[in-house]
N, C-alpha and C. Protein backbone atom coordinates (compact mmCIF):
# COMPACT_ATOMS: atom_id res chain seq x y z
N MET A 1 0.84 -1.24 -0.05
CA MET A 1 0.00 -0.04 0.03
C MET A 1 0.82 1.21 0.05
N ALA A 2 2.04 1.09 0.63
CA ALA A 2 2.87 2.41 0.66
C ALA A 2 3.32 2.85 -0.71
N ILE A 3 3.56 1.82 -1.64
CA ILE A 3 3.97 2.23 -2.95
C ILE A 3 2.80 2.84 -3.69
N ILE A 4 1.62 2.30 -3.51
CA ILE A 4 0.37 2.89 -4.12
C ILE A 4 0.13 4.27 -3.61
N GLU A 5 0.26 4.38 -2.29
CA GLU A 5 -0.11 5.74 -1.68
C GLU A 5 0.92 6.87 -2.07
N ARG A 6 2.20 6.41 -2.33
CA ARG A 6 3.17 7.36 -2.73
C ARG A 6 3.01 7.82 -4.23
N GLY A 7 2.15 7.19 -4.93
CA GLY A 7 1.86 7.56 -6.26
C GLY A 7 2.79 6.97 -7.30
N LYS A 8 3.62 5.95 -6.92
CA LYS A 8 4.50 5.33 -7.74
C LYS A 8 3.73 4.65 -8.92
N PRO A 9 4.15 4.81 -10.17
CA PRO A 9 3.43 4.24 -11.26
C PRO A 9 3.66 2.66 -11.34
N ILE A 10 2.57 2.03 -11.45
CA ILE A 10 2.59 0.59 -11.63
C ILE A 10 1.55 0.25 -12.61
N ASP A 11 1.77 -0.88 -13.35
CA ASP A 11 0.81 -1.31 -14.38
C ASP A 11 -0.15 -2.40 -13.92
N LEU A 12 0.32 -3.16 -12.98
CA LEU A 12 -0.47 -4.32 -12.55
C LEU A 12 -0.10 -4.69 -11.09
N LEU A 13 -1.00 -5.24 -10.36
CA LEU A 13 -0.83 -5.73 -9.01
C LEU A 13 -1.04 -7.25 -9.15
N PHE A 14 -0.07 -8.04 -8.61
CA PHE A 14 -0.10 -9.47 -8.50
C PHE A 14 -0.11 -9.85 -7.02
N THR A 15 -1.20 -10.45 -6.57
CA THR A 15 -1.36 -10.76 -5.11
C THR A 15 -1.95 -12.08 -4.87
N ASP A 16 -1.51 -12.66 -3.82
CA ASP A 16 -2.05 -13.90 -3.34
C ASP A 16 -3.31 -13.55 -2.54
N VAL A 17 -4.32 -14.34 -2.61
CA VAL A 17 -5.51 -14.07 -1.81
C VAL A 17 -5.20 -14.17 -0.33
N VAL A 18 -4.47 -15.18 0.12
CA VAL A 18 -4.05 -15.42 1.49
C VAL A 18 -2.74 -14.81 1.73
N MET A 19 -2.65 -13.81 2.72
CA MET A 19 -1.34 -13.13 2.97
C MET A 19 -1.16 -13.13 4.48
N PRO A 20 0.04 -13.06 4.89
CA PRO A 20 0.36 -12.88 6.39
C PRO A 20 0.03 -11.38 6.75
N GLY A 21 -0.34 -11.24 8.03
CA GLY A 21 -0.48 -9.90 8.55
C GLY A 21 -1.97 -9.47 8.65
N GLY A 22 -2.79 -10.29 8.31
CA GLY A 22 -4.34 -9.99 8.51
C GLY A 22 -5.01 -9.37 7.29
N MET A 23 -4.43 -8.94 6.30
CA MET A 23 -5.17 -8.36 5.15
C MET A 23 -5.11 -9.49 3.97
N THR A 24 -6.23 -9.78 3.46
CA THR A 24 -6.34 -10.71 2.25
C THR A 24 -5.98 -9.97 1.04
N GLY A 25 -5.66 -10.67 -0.12
CA GLY A 25 -5.50 -9.93 -1.38
C GLY A 25 -6.71 -9.35 -1.87
N ILE A 26 -7.86 -9.78 -1.51
CA ILE A 26 -9.18 -9.15 -2.01
C ILE A 26 -9.24 -7.85 -1.20
N GLU A 27 -8.97 -7.78 0.02
CA GLU A 27 -9.02 -6.57 0.85
C GLU A 27 -8.02 -5.61 0.29
N LEU A 28 -6.77 -6.06 -0.05
CA LEU A 28 -5.77 -5.23 -0.63
C LEU A 28 -6.23 -4.58 -1.98
N ALA A 29 -6.88 -5.50 -2.77
CA ALA A 29 -7.38 -5.00 -4.04
C ALA A 29 -8.42 -3.89 -3.87
N THR A 30 -9.28 -4.06 -2.89
CA THR A 30 -10.32 -3.10 -2.63
C THR A 30 -9.75 -1.79 -2.26
N LYS A 31 -8.76 -1.74 -1.40
CA LYS A 31 -8.05 -0.52 -0.92
C LYS A 31 -7.28 0.10 -2.11
N VAL A 32 -6.61 -0.70 -2.84
CA VAL A 32 -5.90 -0.19 -4.01
C VAL A 32 -6.77 0.44 -5.05
N ARG A 33 -7.90 -0.18 -5.31
CA ARG A 33 -8.86 0.34 -6.31
C ARG A 33 -9.46 1.69 -5.78
N GLU A 34 -9.44 1.93 -4.51
CA GLU A 34 -9.92 3.32 -4.05
C GLU A 34 -8.97 4.40 -4.47
N CYS A 35 -7.69 4.04 -4.51
CA CYS A 35 -6.72 5.04 -5.02
C CYS A 35 -6.45 4.98 -6.46
N ARG A 36 -6.54 3.80 -7.03
CA ARG A 36 -6.24 3.62 -8.47
C ARG A 36 -7.37 2.81 -9.18
N PRO A 37 -8.53 3.38 -9.33
CA PRO A 37 -9.61 2.58 -10.00
C PRO A 37 -9.02 2.10 -11.40
N GLY A 38 -9.43 0.89 -11.75
CA GLY A 38 -9.11 0.33 -13.10
C GLY A 38 -7.65 -0.26 -13.04
N LEU A 39 -6.95 -0.31 -11.98
CA LEU A 39 -5.66 -0.92 -11.98
C LEU A 39 -5.88 -2.43 -12.22
N LYS A 40 -5.08 -2.99 -13.06
CA LYS A 40 -5.23 -4.41 -13.43
C LYS A 40 -4.66 -5.24 -12.22
N ILE A 41 -5.34 -6.37 -11.91
CA ILE A 41 -4.90 -7.23 -10.80
C ILE A 41 -4.98 -8.69 -11.08
N VAL A 42 -3.91 -9.38 -10.79
CA VAL A 42 -3.96 -10.82 -10.94
C VAL A 42 -3.98 -11.43 -9.48
N PHE A 43 -4.98 -12.23 -9.21
CA PHE A 43 -5.17 -12.86 -7.99
C PHE A 43 -4.60 -14.33 -8.04
N THR A 44 -4.02 -14.81 -7.07
CA THR A 44 -3.63 -16.29 -7.05
C THR A 44 -3.76 -16.82 -5.66
N SER A 45 -3.96 -18.16 -5.63
CA SER A 45 -4.03 -18.90 -4.41
C SER A 45 -3.91 -20.36 -4.68
N GLY A 46 -3.41 -21.10 -3.69
CA GLY A 46 -3.32 -22.55 -3.80
C GLY A 46 -4.49 -23.13 -3.09
N PHE A 47 -5.45 -22.33 -2.51
CA PHE A 47 -6.55 -22.95 -1.81
C PHE A 47 -7.69 -23.15 -2.88
N ALA A 48 -8.21 -24.40 -2.91
CA ALA A 48 -9.22 -24.74 -3.85
C ALA A 48 -10.49 -23.86 -3.56
N ALA A 49 -10.75 -23.49 -2.37
CA ALA A 49 -11.99 -22.72 -2.10
C ALA A 49 -12.06 -21.40 -2.86
N PHE A 50 -10.89 -20.88 -3.18
CA PHE A 50 -10.96 -19.55 -3.95
C PHE A 50 -11.08 -19.75 -5.42
N ASP A 51 -10.98 -20.92 -5.93
CA ASP A 51 -11.12 -21.19 -7.33
C ASP A 51 -12.48 -20.74 -7.85
N LYS A 52 -13.47 -20.69 -6.96
CA LYS A 52 -14.83 -20.37 -7.51
C LYS A 52 -15.13 -18.86 -7.27
N LEU A 53 -14.14 -18.06 -7.03
CA LEU A 53 -14.41 -16.61 -6.88
C LEU A 53 -15.06 -16.12 -8.13
N ARG A 54 -16.12 -15.44 -8.10
CA ARG A 54 -16.83 -14.86 -9.23
C ARG A 54 -16.08 -13.65 -9.79
N GLN A 55 -16.22 -13.48 -11.10
CA GLN A 55 -15.62 -12.30 -11.64
C GLN A 55 -16.06 -10.97 -11.10
N ASP A 56 -17.31 -10.90 -10.65
CA ASP A 56 -17.77 -9.58 -10.10
C ASP A 56 -17.15 -9.37 -8.75
N THR A 57 -16.63 -10.47 -8.07
CA THR A 57 -15.90 -10.24 -6.82
C THR A 57 -14.47 -9.76 -7.19
N LEU A 58 -13.90 -10.32 -8.22
CA LEU A 58 -12.49 -9.92 -8.56
C LEU A 58 -12.46 -8.60 -9.23
N GLY A 59 -13.53 -8.24 -9.97
CA GLY A 59 -13.57 -6.95 -10.71
C GLY A 59 -13.27 -7.13 -12.23
N VAL A 60 -13.55 -6.12 -12.95
CA VAL A 60 -13.53 -6.16 -14.38
C VAL A 60 -11.98 -6.38 -14.78
N ASP A 61 -11.01 -5.59 -14.32
CA ASP A 61 -9.74 -5.59 -14.72
C ASP A 61 -8.88 -6.57 -13.93
N ALA A 62 -9.43 -7.75 -13.64
CA ALA A 62 -8.73 -8.76 -12.85
C ALA A 62 -8.71 -10.07 -13.53
N ARG A 63 -7.90 -10.91 -12.98
CA ARG A 63 -7.81 -12.36 -13.60
C ARG A 63 -7.42 -13.12 -12.39
N TRP A 64 -7.97 -14.43 -12.47
CA TRP A 64 -7.71 -15.48 -11.41
C TRP A 64 -6.71 -16.41 -11.93
N LEU A 65 -5.75 -16.78 -11.15
CA LEU A 65 -4.70 -17.74 -11.59
C LEU A 65 -4.53 -18.69 -10.39
N GLY A 66 -4.98 -19.94 -10.41
CA GLY A 66 -4.83 -20.83 -9.44
C GLY A 66 -3.33 -21.46 -9.30
N LYS A 67 -3.00 -21.82 -8.13
CA LYS A 67 -1.72 -22.52 -7.97
C LYS A 67 -1.93 -23.92 -7.93
N PRO A 68 -0.97 -24.74 -8.39
CA PRO A 68 0.28 -24.23 -8.92
C PRO A 68 0.09 -23.81 -10.40
N HIS A 69 0.87 -22.82 -10.90
CA HIS A 69 0.84 -22.50 -12.18
C HIS A 69 2.29 -22.33 -12.70
N GLY A 70 2.36 -22.48 -13.98
CA GLY A 70 3.73 -22.38 -14.63
C GLY A 70 4.01 -20.99 -15.09
N VAL A 71 5.10 -20.84 -15.60
CA VAL A 71 5.54 -19.52 -16.25
C VAL A 71 4.62 -19.18 -17.38
N ASN A 72 4.33 -20.16 -18.17
CA ASN A 72 3.44 -19.92 -19.35
C ASN A 72 2.04 -19.40 -18.98
N GLU A 73 1.53 -19.98 -17.97
CA GLU A 73 0.14 -19.53 -17.49
C GLU A 73 0.17 -18.11 -16.91
N LEU A 74 1.30 -17.86 -16.17
CA LEU A 74 1.50 -16.56 -15.54
C LEU A 74 1.66 -15.52 -16.62
N GLN A 75 2.42 -15.83 -17.63
CA GLN A 75 2.66 -14.94 -18.70
C GLN A 75 1.41 -14.61 -19.55
N ALA A 76 0.62 -15.60 -19.76
CA ALA A 76 -0.62 -15.46 -20.48
C ALA A 76 -1.66 -14.61 -19.70
N ALA A 77 -1.60 -14.77 -18.39
CA ALA A 77 -2.59 -13.86 -17.52
C ALA A 77 -2.13 -12.49 -17.57
N LEU A 78 -0.82 -12.22 -17.40
CA LEU A 78 -0.27 -10.91 -17.38
C LEU A 78 -0.46 -10.31 -18.76
N ARG A 79 -0.30 -11.01 -19.88
CA ARG A 79 -0.43 -10.42 -21.13
C ARG A 79 -1.79 -10.08 -21.48
N GLU A 80 -2.84 -11.02 -21.06
CA GLU A 80 -4.22 -10.73 -21.28
C GLU A 80 -4.57 -9.39 -20.60
N LEU A 81 -4.22 -9.24 -19.38
CA LEU A 81 -4.61 -7.93 -18.75
C LEU A 81 -3.88 -6.77 -19.25
N LEU A 82 -2.72 -6.83 -19.44
CA LEU A 82 -1.89 -5.70 -19.91
C LEU A 82 -2.29 -5.24 -21.30
N ASP A 83 -2.76 -6.10 -22.09
CA ASP A 83 -3.21 -5.89 -23.55
C ASP A 83 -4.59 -5.18 -23.53
N ARG A 84 -5.32 -5.20 -22.43
CA ARG A 84 -6.62 -4.58 -22.46
C ARG A 84 -6.59 -3.17 -22.50
């Protein structure tokens, strides 16, 4: 959040849904979108329960990438969002 709040330019946020410290990736995305609406976000998690997250939960400029994933899947997800 410090990078976002300082106004540093970024093209995309890549976040795990489950993170240490009490904030989830979804909560992080909600806070980031308050400062930077439309920022593209890739969510990831190894927990099967999150595989069913609906697109309206993730947002329009977001993509879900389940773990484990390879470099090719990551590259495809990033390219898809950055090309929008």
